[in-house]
Amino acid sequence: MLAHKKIKIETRDFFKQPFTPDELRALLRDLNLRAHDVLAIKSRAFRAAPFQPATKSETEIIALMVREPRLIRRPLIVLDGKPVIGFDRAKLNKIK
């Protein structure tokens, strides 16, 4: 979708190039988000996880996301320093 608009994109496959806890923490801080904001609660990995997110701290959620990247909601897009989390066609269509 963004490629059709000729927007130059830089991608990171965080399954092949996983985040470190510090990288993920810094990304979330820069985007003014919490780990809970990008937790993929509809994912199979989340449903299989034996925890309730409300019982986990930010540090614990980040550690879980680093170990299991499928817990990070995708795509996680940063445009002009602002996050677009998940496939939000309306937000992506507004991008020029």
PDB file of N, CA and C in Angstrom:
ATOM      1  N   MET A   1       0.829  -1.195   0.000  1.00  0.00           N
ATOM      2  CA  MET A   1       0.000   0.000   0.000  1.00  0.00           C
ATOM      3  C   MET A   1       0.872   1.257   0.000  1.00  0.00           C
ATOM      4  N   LEU A   2       1.868   1.301   0.873  1.00  0.00           N
ATOM      5  CA  LEU A   2       2.744   2.477   0.907  1.00  0.00           C
ATOM      6  C   LEU A   2       3.655   2.511  -0.311  1.00  0.00           C
ATOM      7  N   ALA A   3       4.057   1.351  -0.797  1.00  0.00           N
ATOM      8  CA  ALA A   3       4.917   1.298  -1.979  1.00  0.00           C
ATOM      9  C   ALA A   3       4.190   1.858  -3.200  1.00  0.00           C
ATOM     10  N   HIS A   4       2.882   1.639  -3.293  1.00  0.00           N
ATOM     11  CA  HIS A   4       2.097   2.178  -4.402  1.00  0.00           C
ATOM     12  C   HIS A   4       2.070   3.698  -4.381  1.00  0.00           C
ATOM     13  N   LYS A   5       2.213   4.275  -3.218  1.00  0.00           N
ATOM     14  CA  LYS A   5       2.223   5.732  -3.092  1.00  0.00           C
ATOM     15  C   LYS A   5       3.628   6.288  -3.254  1.00  0.00           C
ATOM     16  N   LYS A   6       4.564   5.404  -3.569  1.00  0.00           N
ATOM     17  CA  LYS A   6       5.966   5.766  -3.766  1.00  0.00           C
ATOM     18  C   LYS A   6       6.578   6.405  -2.524  1.00  0.00           C
ATOM     19  N   ILE A   7       6.163   5.898  -1.381  1.00  0.00           N
ATOM     20  CA  ILE A   7       6.738   6.330  -0.112  1.00  0.00           C
ATOM     21  C   ILE A   7       7.899   5.407   0.202  1.00  0.00           C
ATOM     22  N   LYS A   8       9.057   5.991   0.421  1.00  0.00           N
ATOM     23  CA  LYS A   8      10.229   5.194   0.736  1.00  0.00           C
ATOM     24  C   LYS A   8      10.042   4.614   2.146  1.00  0.00           C
ATOM     25  N   ILE A   9      10.180   3.302   2.219  1.00  0.00           N
ATOM     26  CA  ILE A   9       9.999   2.657   3.517  1.00  0.00           C
ATOM     27  C   ILE A   9      11.243   1.865   3.891  1.00  0.00           C
ATOM     28  N   GLU A  10      11.480   1.805   5.166  1.00  0.00           N
ATOM     29  CA  GLU A  10      12.558   1.002   5.718  1.00  0.00           C
ATOM     30  C   GLU A  10      11.880  -0.049   6.580  1.00  0.00           C
ATOM     31  N   THR A  11      12.164  -1.295   6.323  1.00  0.00           N
ATOM     32  CA  THR A  11      11.491  -2.357   7.056  1.00  0.00           C
ATOM     33  C   THR A  11      12.462  -3.103   7.956  1.00  0.00           C
ATOM     34  N   ARG A  12      11.873  -3.743   8.948  1.00  0.00           N
ATOM     35  CA  ARG A  12      12.642  -4.603   9.837  1.00  0.00           C
ATOM     36  C   ARG A  12      11.782  -5.824  10.133  1.00  0.00           C
ATOM     37  N   ASP A  13      12.280  -6.963   9.766  1.00  0.00           N
ATOM     38  CA  ASP A  13      11.610  -8.214  10.088  1.00  0.00           C
ATOM     39  C   ASP A  13      12.090  -8.607  11.479  1.00  0.00           C
ATOM     40  N   PHE A  14      11.286  -8.319  12.486  1.00  0.00           N
ATOM     41  CA  PHE A  14      11.767  -8.559  13.842  1.00  0.00           C
ATOM     42  C   PHE A  14      11.670 -10.020  14.262  1.00  0.00           C
ATOM     43  N   PHE A  15      11.331 -10.879  13.322  1.00  0.00           N
ATOM     44  CA  PHE A  15      11.492 -12.314  13.555  1.00  0.00           C
ATOM     45  C   PHE A  15      12.918 -12.727  13.190  1.00  0.00           C
ATOM     46  N   LYS A  16      13.449 -12.122  12.126  1.00  0.00           N
ATOM     47  CA  LYS A  16      14.816 -12.416  11.698  1.00  0.00           C
ATOM     48  C   LYS A  16      15.833 -11.532  12.408  1.00  0.00           C
ATOM     49  N   GLN A  17      15.409 -10.333  12.754  1.00  0.00           N
ATOM     50  CA  GLN A  17      16.273  -9.372  13.438  1.00  0.00           C
ATOM     51  C   GLN A  17      15.527  -8.901  14.694  1.00  0.00           C
ATOM     52  N   PRO A  18      15.514  -9.759  15.723  1.00  0.00           N
ATOM     53  CA  PRO A  18      14.697  -9.458  16.904  1.00  0.00           C
ATOM     54  C   PRO A  18      15.133  -8.180  17.625  1.00  0.00           C
ATOM     55  N   PHE A  19      14.167  -7.580  18.287  1.00  0.00           N
ATOM     56  CA  PHE A  19      14.452  -6.441  19.148  1.00  0.00           C
ATOM     57  C   PHE A  19      15.179  -6.927  20.393  1.00  0.00           C
ATOM     58  N   THR A  20      16.022  -6.063  20.915  1.00  0.00           N
ATOM     59  CA  THR A  20      16.533  -6.285  22.266  1.00  0.00           C
ATOM     60  C   THR A  20      15.546  -5.582  23.194  1.00  0.00           C
ATOM     61  N   PRO A  21      15.555  -5.929  24.468  1.00  0.00           N
ATOM     62  CA  PRO A  21      14.664  -5.203  25.379  1.00  0.00           C
ATOM     63  C   PRO A  21      14.891  -3.695  25.337  1.00  0.00           C
ATOM     64  N   ASP A  22      16.144  -3.268  25.259  1.00  0.00           N
ATOM     65  CA  ASP A  22      16.438  -1.829  25.227  1.00  0.00           C
ATOM     66  C   ASP A  22      15.920  -1.175  23.946  1.00  0.00           C
ATOM     67  N   GLU A  23      16.062  -1.848  22.804  1.00  0.00           N
ATOM     68  CA  GLU A  23      15.547  -1.301  21.542  1.00  0.00           C
ATOM     69  C   GLU A  23      14.032  -1.146  21.586  1.00  0.00           C
ATOM     70  N   LEU A  24      13.347  -2.170  22.063  1.00  0.00           N
ATOM     71  CA  LEU A  24      11.891  -2.115  22.111  1.00  0.00           C
ATOM     72  C   LEU A  24      11.428  -1.050  23.091  1.00  0.00           C
ATOM     73  N   ARG A  25      12.087  -0.977  24.235  1.00  0.00           N
ATOM     74  CA  ARG A  25      11.739   0.044  25.233  1.00  0.00           C
ATOM     75  C   ARG A  25      11.944   1.448  24.656  1.00  0.00           C
ATOM     76  N   ALA A  26      13.061   1.662  23.946  1.00  0.00           N
ATOM     77  CA  ALA A  26      13.352   2.979  23.354  1.00  0.00           C
ATOM     78  C   ALA A  26      12.337   3.327  22.266  1.00  0.00           C
ATOM     79  N   LEU A  27      11.995   2.356  21.418  1.00  0.00           N
ATOM     80  CA  LEU A  27      11.003   2.598  20.368  1.00  0.00           C
ATOM     81  C   LEU A  27       9.670   3.005  20.990  1.00  0.00           C
ATOM     82  N   LEU A  28       9.231   2.279  21.976  1.00  0.00           N
ATOM     83  CA  LEU A  28       7.958   2.592  22.625  1.00  0.00           C
ATOM     84  C   LEU A  28       8.012   3.969  23.300  1.00  0.00           C
ATOM     85  N   ARG A  29       9.117   4.256  23.952  1.00  0.00           N
ATOM     86  CA  ARG A  29       9.272   5.568  24.609  1.00  0.00           C
ATOM     87  C   ARG A  29       9.219   6.689  23.575  1.00  0.00           C
ATOM     88  N   ASP A  30       9.933   6.509  22.443  1.00  0.00           N
ATOM     89  CA  ASP A  30       9.962   7.537  21.397  1.00  0.00           C
ATOM     90  C   ASP A  30       8.576   7.765  20.792  1.00  0.00           C
ATOM     91  N   LEU A  31       7.751   6.718  20.767  1.00  0.00           N
ATOM     92  CA  LEU A  31       6.407   6.823  20.196  1.00  0.00           C
ATOM     93  C   LEU A  31       5.354   7.139  21.253  1.00  0.00           C
ATOM     94  N   ASN A  32       5.805   7.328  22.484  1.00  0.00           N
ATOM     95  CA  ASN A  32       4.902   7.630  23.593  1.00  0.00           C
ATOM     96  C   ASN A  32       3.847   6.519  23.771  1.00  0.00           C
ATOM     97  N   LEU A  33       4.327   5.281  23.691  1.00  0.00           N
ATOM     98  CA  LEU A  33       3.453   4.120  23.841  1.00  0.00           C
ATOM     99  C   LEU A  33       3.938   3.253  24.998  1.00  0.00           C
ATOM    100  N   ARG A  34       3.045   2.421  25.472  1.00  0.00           N
ATOM    101  CA  ARG A  34       3.388   1.393  26.452  1.00  0.00           C
ATOM    102  C   ARG A  34       3.360   0.040  25.740  1.00  0.00           C
ATOM    103  N   ALA A  35       4.026  -0.926  26.313  1.00  0.00           N
ATOM    104  CA  ALA A  35       4.033  -2.270  25.727  1.00  0.00           C
ATOM    105  C   ALA A  35       2.612  -2.799  25.586  1.00  0.00           C
ATOM    106  N   HIS A  36       1.773  -2.491  26.551  1.00  0.00           N
ATOM    107  CA  HIS A  36       0.378  -2.938  26.494  1.00  0.00           C
ATOM    108  C   HIS A  36      -0.344  -2.391  25.251  1.00  0.00           C
ATOM    109  N   ASP A  37       0.105  -1.219  24.748  1.00  0.00           N
ATOM    110  CA  ASP A  37      -0.528  -0.601  23.582  1.00  0.00           C
ATOM    111  C   ASP A  37      -0.270  -1.382  22.293  1.00  0.00           C
ATOM    112  N   VAL A  38       0.824  -2.121  22.243  1.00  0.00           N
ATOM    113  CA  VAL A  38       1.182  -2.850  21.024  1.00  0.00           C
ATOM    114  C   VAL A  38       1.103  -4.369  21.218  1.00  0.00           C
ATOM    115  N   LEU A  39       0.502  -4.792  22.294  1.00  0.00           N
ATOM    116  CA  LEU A  39       0.345  -6.215  22.573  1.00  0.00           C
ATOM    117  C   LEU A  39      -0.709  -6.807  21.647  1.00  0.00           C
ATOM    118  N   ALA A  40      -0.335  -7.839  20.925  1.00  0.00           N
ATOM    119  CA  ALA A  40      -1.224  -8.472  19.934  1.00  0.00           C
ATOM    120  C   ALA A  40      -2.191  -9.424  20.648  1.00  0.00           C
ATOM    121  N   ILE A  41      -3.243  -8.852  21.213  1.00  0.00           N
ATOM    122  CA  ILE A  41      -4.158  -9.646  22.037  1.00  0.00           C
ATOM    123  C   ILE A  41      -5.033 -10.603  21.227  1.00  0.00           C
ATOM    124  N   LYS A  42      -5.083 -10.432  19.911  1.00  0.00           N
ATOM    125  CA  LYS A  42      -5.858 -11.346  19.071  1.00  0.00           C
ATOM    126  C   LYS A  42      -4.988 -12.442  18.445  1.00  0.00           C
ATOM    127  N   SER A  43      -3.713 -12.423  18.753  1.00  0.00           N
ATOM    128  CA  SER A  43      -2.799 -13.393  18.150  1.00  0.00           C
ATOM    129  C   SER A  43      -2.905 -14.752  18.821  1.00  0.00           C
ATOM    130  N   ARG A  44      -2.550 -15.753  18.070  1.00  0.00           N
ATOM    131  CA  ARG A  44      -2.512 -17.116  18.603  1.00  0.00           C
ATOM    132  C   ARG A  44      -1.501 -17.201  19.748  1.00  0.00           C
ATOM    133  N   ALA A  45      -0.373 -16.498  19.607  1.00  0.00           N
ATOM    134  CA  ALA A  45       0.657 -16.507  20.652  1.00  0.00           C
ATOM    135  C   ALA A  45       0.114 -15.950  21.962  1.00  0.00           C
ATOM    136  N   PHE A  46      -0.705 -14.906  21.868  1.00  0.00           N
ATOM    137  CA  PHE A  46      -1.287 -14.320  23.078  1.00  0.00           C
ATOM    138  C   PHE A  46      -2.276 -15.294  23.718  1.00  0.00           C
ATOM    139  N   ARG A  47      -3.132 -15.893  22.889  1.00  0.00           N
ATOM    140  CA  ARG A  47      -4.122 -16.827  23.431  1.00  0.00           C
ATOM    141  C   ARG A  47      -3.456 -18.034  24.082  1.00  0.00           C
ATOM    142  N   ALA A  48      -2.282 -18.416  23.582  1.00  0.00           N
ATOM    143  CA  ALA A  48      -1.565 -19.564  24.129  1.00  0.00           C
ATOM    144  C   ALA A  48      -0.732 -19.204  25.357  1.00  0.00           C
ATOM    145  N   ALA A  49      -0.514 -17.918  25.576  1.00  0.00           N
ATOM    146  CA  ALA A  49       0.328 -17.478  26.689  1.00  0.00           C
ATOM    147  C   ALA A  49      -0.410 -17.645  28.019  1.00  0.00           C
ATOM    148  N   PRO A  50       0.282 -18.187  28.988  1.00  0.00           N
ATOM    149  CA  PRO A  50      -0.355 -18.419  30.290  1.00  0.00           C
ATOM    150  C   PRO A  50      -0.261 -17.211  31.226  1.00  0.00           C
ATOM    151  N   PHE A  51      -0.689 -16.053  30.763  1.00  0.00           N
ATOM    152  CA  PHE A  51      -0.639 -14.869  31.611  1.00  0.00           C
ATOM    153  C   PHE A  51      -1.758 -13.914  31.247  1.00  0.00           C
ATOM    154  N   GLN A  52      -2.063 -13.048  32.165  1.00  0.00           N
ATOM    155  CA  GLN A  52      -2.999 -11.958  31.932  1.00  0.00           C
ATOM    156  C   GLN A  52      -2.173 -10.675  31.886  1.00  0.00           C
ATOM    157  N   PRO A  53      -2.287  -9.882  30.819  1.00  0.00           N
ATOM    158  CA  PRO A  53      -1.441  -8.692  30.696  1.00  0.00           C
ATOM    159  C   PRO A  53      -1.598  -7.711  31.848  1.00  0.00           C
ATOM    160  N   ALA A  54      -2.773  -7.640  32.428  1.00  0.00           N
ATOM    161  CA  ALA A  54      -2.989  -6.690  33.532  1.00  0.00           C
ATOM    162  C   ALA A  54      -2.143  -7.045  34.747  1.00  0.00           C
ATOM    163  N   THR A  55      -1.696  -8.296  34.829  1.00  0.00           N
ATOM    164  CA  THR A  55      -0.899  -8.717  35.985  1.00  0.00           C
ATOM    165  C   THR A  55       0.592  -8.554  35.751  1.00  0.00           C
ATOM    166  N   LYS A  56       0.981  -8.121  34.556  1.00  0.00           N
ATOM    167  CA  LYS A  56       2.397  -8.007  34.211  1.00  0.00           C
ATOM    168  C   LYS A  56       2.824  -6.547  34.119  1.00  0.00           C
ATOM    169  N   SER A  57       4.046  -6.306  34.538  1.00  0.00           N
ATOM    170  CA  SER A  57       4.614  -4.954  34.450  1.00  0.00           C
ATOM    171  C   SER A  57       5.058  -4.681  33.018  1.00  0.00           C
ATOM    172  N   GLU A  58       5.379  -3.433  32.756  1.00  0.00           N
ATOM    173  CA  GLU A  58       5.895  -3.029  31.445  1.00  0.00           C
ATOM    174  C   GLU A  58       7.161  -3.826  31.110  1.00  0.00           C
ATOM    175  N   THR A  59       8.053  -3.956  32.054  1.00  0.00           N
ATOM    176  CA  THR A  59       9.297  -4.696  31.847  1.00  0.00           C
ATOM    177  C   THR A  59       9.024  -6.155  31.529  1.00  0.00           C
ATOM    178  N   GLU A  60       8.057  -6.752  32.206  1.00  0.00           N
ATOM    179  CA  GLU A  60       7.723  -8.159  31.958  1.00  0.00           C
ATOM    180  C   GLU A  60       7.102  -8.347  30.572  1.00  0.00           C
ATOM    181  N   ILE A  61       6.224  -7.426  30.179  1.00  0.00           N
ATOM    182  CA  ILE A  61       5.591  -7.520  28.855  1.00  0.00           C
ATOM    183  C   ILE A  61       6.654  -7.363  27.765  1.00  0.00           C
ATOM    184  N   ILE A  62       7.561  -6.428  27.929  1.00  0.00           N
ATOM    185  CA  ILE A  62       8.632  -6.235  26.936  1.00  0.00           C
ATOM    186  C   ILE A  62       9.487  -7.494  26.843  1.00  0.00           C
ATOM    187  N   ALA A  63       9.833  -8.098  27.969  1.00  0.00           N
ATOM    188  CA  ALA A  63      10.625  -9.331  27.962  1.00  0.00           C
ATOM    189  C   ALA A  63       9.886 -10.442  27.224  1.00  0.00           C
ATOM    190  N   LEU A  64       8.586 -10.548  27.431  1.00  0.00           N
ATOM    191  CA  LEU A  64       7.783 -11.552  26.725  1.00  0.00           C
ATOM    192  C   LEU A  64       7.758 -11.284  25.228  1.00  0.00           C
ATOM    193  N   MET A  65       7.637 -10.010  24.835  1.00  0.00           N
ATOM    194  CA  MET A  65       7.615  -9.642  23.417  1.00  0.00           C
ATOM    195  C   MET A  65       8.955  -9.945  22.743  1.00  0.00           C
ATOM    196  N   VAL A  66      10.031  -9.730  23.456  1.00  0.00           N
ATOM    197  CA  VAL A  66      11.356 -10.015  22.899  1.00  0.00           C
ATOM    198  C   VAL A  66      11.516 -11.517  22.682  1.00  0.00           C
ATOM    199  N   ARG A  67      11.047 -12.313  23.639  1.00  0.00           N
ATOM    200  CA  ARG A  67      11.123 -13.781  23.505  1.00  0.00           C
ATOM    201  C   ARG A  67      10.160 -14.316  22.455  1.00  0.00           C
ATOM    202  N   GLU A  68       8.995 -13.677  22.332  1.00  0.00           N
ATOM    203  CA  GLU A  68       7.959 -14.133  21.405  1.00  0.00           C
ATOM    204  C   GLU A  68       7.455 -12.938  20.596  1.00  0.00           C
ATOM    205  N   PRO A  69       8.120 -12.614  19.463  1.00  0.00           N
ATOM    206  CA  PRO A  69       7.760 -11.439  18.674  1.00  0.00           C
ATOM    207  C   PRO A  69       6.327 -11.429  18.162  1.00  0.00           C
ATOM    208  N   ARG A  70       5.674 -12.598  18.096  1.00  0.00           N
ATOM    209  CA  ARG A  70       4.276 -12.611  17.651  1.00  0.00           C
ATOM    210  C   ARG A  70       3.355 -11.903  18.637  1.00  0.00           C
ATOM    211  N   LEU A  71       3.874 -11.561  19.809  1.00  0.00           N
ATOM    212  CA  LEU A  71       3.085 -10.797  20.771  1.00  0.00           C
ATOM    213  C   LEU A  71       3.067  -9.305  20.445  1.00  0.00           C
ATOM    214  N   ILE A  72       3.875  -8.886  19.465  1.00  0.00           N
ATOM    215  CA  ILE A  72       3.900  -7.484  19.035  1.00  0.00           C
ATOM    216  C   ILE A  72       2.912  -7.328  17.885  1.00  0.00           C
ATOM    217  N   ARG A  73       1.997  -6.406  18.031  1.00  0.00           N
ATOM    218  CA  ARG A  73       0.992  -6.177  16.983  1.00  0.00           C
ATOM    219  C   ARG A  73       1.670  -5.663  15.723  1.00  0.00           C
ATOM    220  N   ARG A  74       1.272  -6.244  14.598  1.00  0.00           N
ATOM    221  CA  ARG A  74       1.894  -5.907  13.324  1.00  0.00           C
ATOM    222  C   ARG A  74       0.834  -5.452  12.336  1.00  0.00           C
ATOM    223  N   PRO A  75       1.243  -4.661  11.373  1.00  0.00           N
ATOM    224  CA  PRO A  75       2.549  -4.011  11.300  1.00  0.00           C
ATOM    225  C   PRO A  75       2.644  -2.888  12.329  1.00  0.00           C
ATOM    226  N   LEU A  76       3.843  -2.606  12.701  1.00  0.00           N
ATOM    227  CA  LEU A  76       4.138  -1.476  13.579  1.00  0.00           C
ATOM    228  C   LEU A  76       4.882  -0.480  12.701  1.00  0.00           C
ATOM    229  N   ILE A  77       4.181   0.551  12.278  1.00  0.00           N
ATOM    230  CA  ILE A  77       4.704   1.520  11.316  1.00  0.00           C
ATOM    231  C   ILE A  77       4.935   2.850  12.024  1.00  0.00           C
ATOM    232  N   VAL A  78       6.052   3.476  11.722  1.00  0.00           N
ATOM    233  CA  VAL A  78       6.365   4.798  12.265  1.00  0.00           C
ATOM    234  C   VAL A  78       6.435   5.763  11.092  1.00  0.00           C
ATOM    235  N   LEU A  79       5.559   6.756  11.103  1.00  0.00           N
ATOM    236  CA  LEU A  79       5.512   7.769  10.053  1.00  0.00           C
ATOM    237  C   LEU A  79       5.620   9.140  10.683  1.00  0.00           C
ATOM    238  N   ASP A  80       6.653   9.846  10.295  1.00  0.00           N
ATOM    239  CA  ASP A  80       6.890  11.180  10.866  1.00  0.00           C
ATOM    240  C   ASP A  80       6.862  11.143  12.383  1.00  0.00           C
ATOM    241  N   GLY A  81       7.433  10.083  12.947  1.00  0.00           N
ATOM    242  CA  GLY A  81       7.526   9.973  14.392  1.00  0.00           C
ATOM    243  C   GLY A  81       6.245   9.553  15.089  1.00  0.00           C
ATOM    244  N   LYS A  82       5.221   9.226  14.324  1.00  0.00           N
ATOM    245  CA  LYS A  82       3.937   8.824  14.911  1.00  0.00           C
ATOM    246  C   LYS A  82       3.643   7.372  14.540  1.00  0.00           C
ATOM    247  N   PRO A  83       3.087   6.608  15.498  1.00  0.00           N
ATOM    248  CA  PRO A  83       2.833   5.199  15.231  1.00  0.00           C
ATOM    249  C   PRO A  83       1.519   4.940  14.500  1.00  0.00           C
ATOM    250  N   VAL A  84       1.543   3.949  13.637  1.00  0.00           N
ATOM    251  CA  VAL A  84       0.336   3.354  13.064  1.00  0.00           C
ATOM    252  C   VAL A  84       0.469   1.876  13.423  1.00  0.00           C
ATOM    253  N   ILE A  85      -0.393   1.413  14.304  1.00  0.00           N
ATOM    254  CA  ILE A  85      -0.266   0.066  14.840  1.00  0.00           C
ATOM    255  C   ILE A  85      -1.351  -0.819  14.253  1.00  0.00           C
ATOM    256  N   GLY A  86      -0.938  -1.948  13.722  1.00  0.00           N
ATOM    257  CA  GLY A  86      -1.889  -2.850  13.099  1.00  0.00           C
ATOM    258  C   GLY A  86      -2.258  -2.332  11.726  1.00  0.00           C
ATOM    259  N   PHE A  87      -2.996  -3.127  11.000  1.00  0.00           N
ATOM    260  CA  PHE A  87      -3.376  -2.723   9.647  1.00  0.00           C
ATOM    261  C   PHE A  87      -4.599  -1.832   9.732  1.00  0.00           C
ATOM    262  N   ASP A  88      -4.368  -0.534   9.691  1.00  0.00           N
ATOM    263  CA  ASP A  88      -5.441   0.465   9.757  1.00  0.00           C
ATOM    264  C   ASP A  88      -5.511   1.140   8.394  1.00  0.00           C
ATOM    265  N   ARG A  89      -6.348   0.588   7.515  1.00  0.00           N
ATOM    266  CA  ARG A  89      -6.440   1.070   6.139  1.00  0.00           C
ATOM    267  C   ARG A  89      -6.756   2.569   6.080  1.00  0.00           C
ATOM    268  N   ALA A  90      -7.627   3.057   6.947  1.00  0.00           N
ATOM    269  CA  ALA A  90      -7.996   4.469   6.924  1.00  0.00           C
ATOM    270  C   ALA A  90      -6.777   5.357   7.190  1.00  0.00           C
ATOM    271  N   LYS A  91      -5.989   5.009   8.208  1.00  0.00           N
ATOM    272  CA  LYS A  91      -4.790   5.810   8.515  1.00  0.00           C
ATOM    273  C   LYS A  91      -3.769   5.698   7.398  1.00  0.00           C
ATOM    274  N   LEU A  92      -3.598   4.503   6.858  1.00  0.00           N
ATOM    275  CA  LEU A  92      -2.624   4.327   5.792  1.00  0.00           C
ATOM    276  C   LEU A  92      -3.043   5.060   4.519  1.00  0.00           C
ATOM    277  N   ASN A  93      -4.323   5.130   4.234  1.00  0.00           N
ATOM    278  CA  ASN A  93      -4.799   5.852   3.052  1.00  0.00           C
ATOM    279  C   ASN A  93      -4.593   7.358   3.168  1.00  0.00           C
ATOM    280  N   LYS A  94      -4.515   7.889   4.387  1.00  0.00           N
ATOM    281  CA  LYS A  94      -4.304   9.322   4.587  1.00  0.00           C
ATOM    282  C   LYS A  94      -2.864   9.743   4.347  1.00  0.00           C
ATOM    283  N   ILE A  95      -1.974   8.782   4.291  1.00  0.00           N
ATOM    284  CA  ILE A  95      -0.573   9.086   4.083  1.00  0.00           C
ATOM    285  C   ILE A  95      -0.353   9.525   2.645  1.00  0.00           C
ATOM    286  N   LYS A  96       0.361  10.608   2.481  1.00  0.00           N
ATOM    287  CA  LYS A  96       0.605  11.150   1.130  1.00  0.00           C
ATOM    288  C   LYS A  96       1.987  10.816   0.668  1.00  0.00           C
TER     289      LYS A  96
END
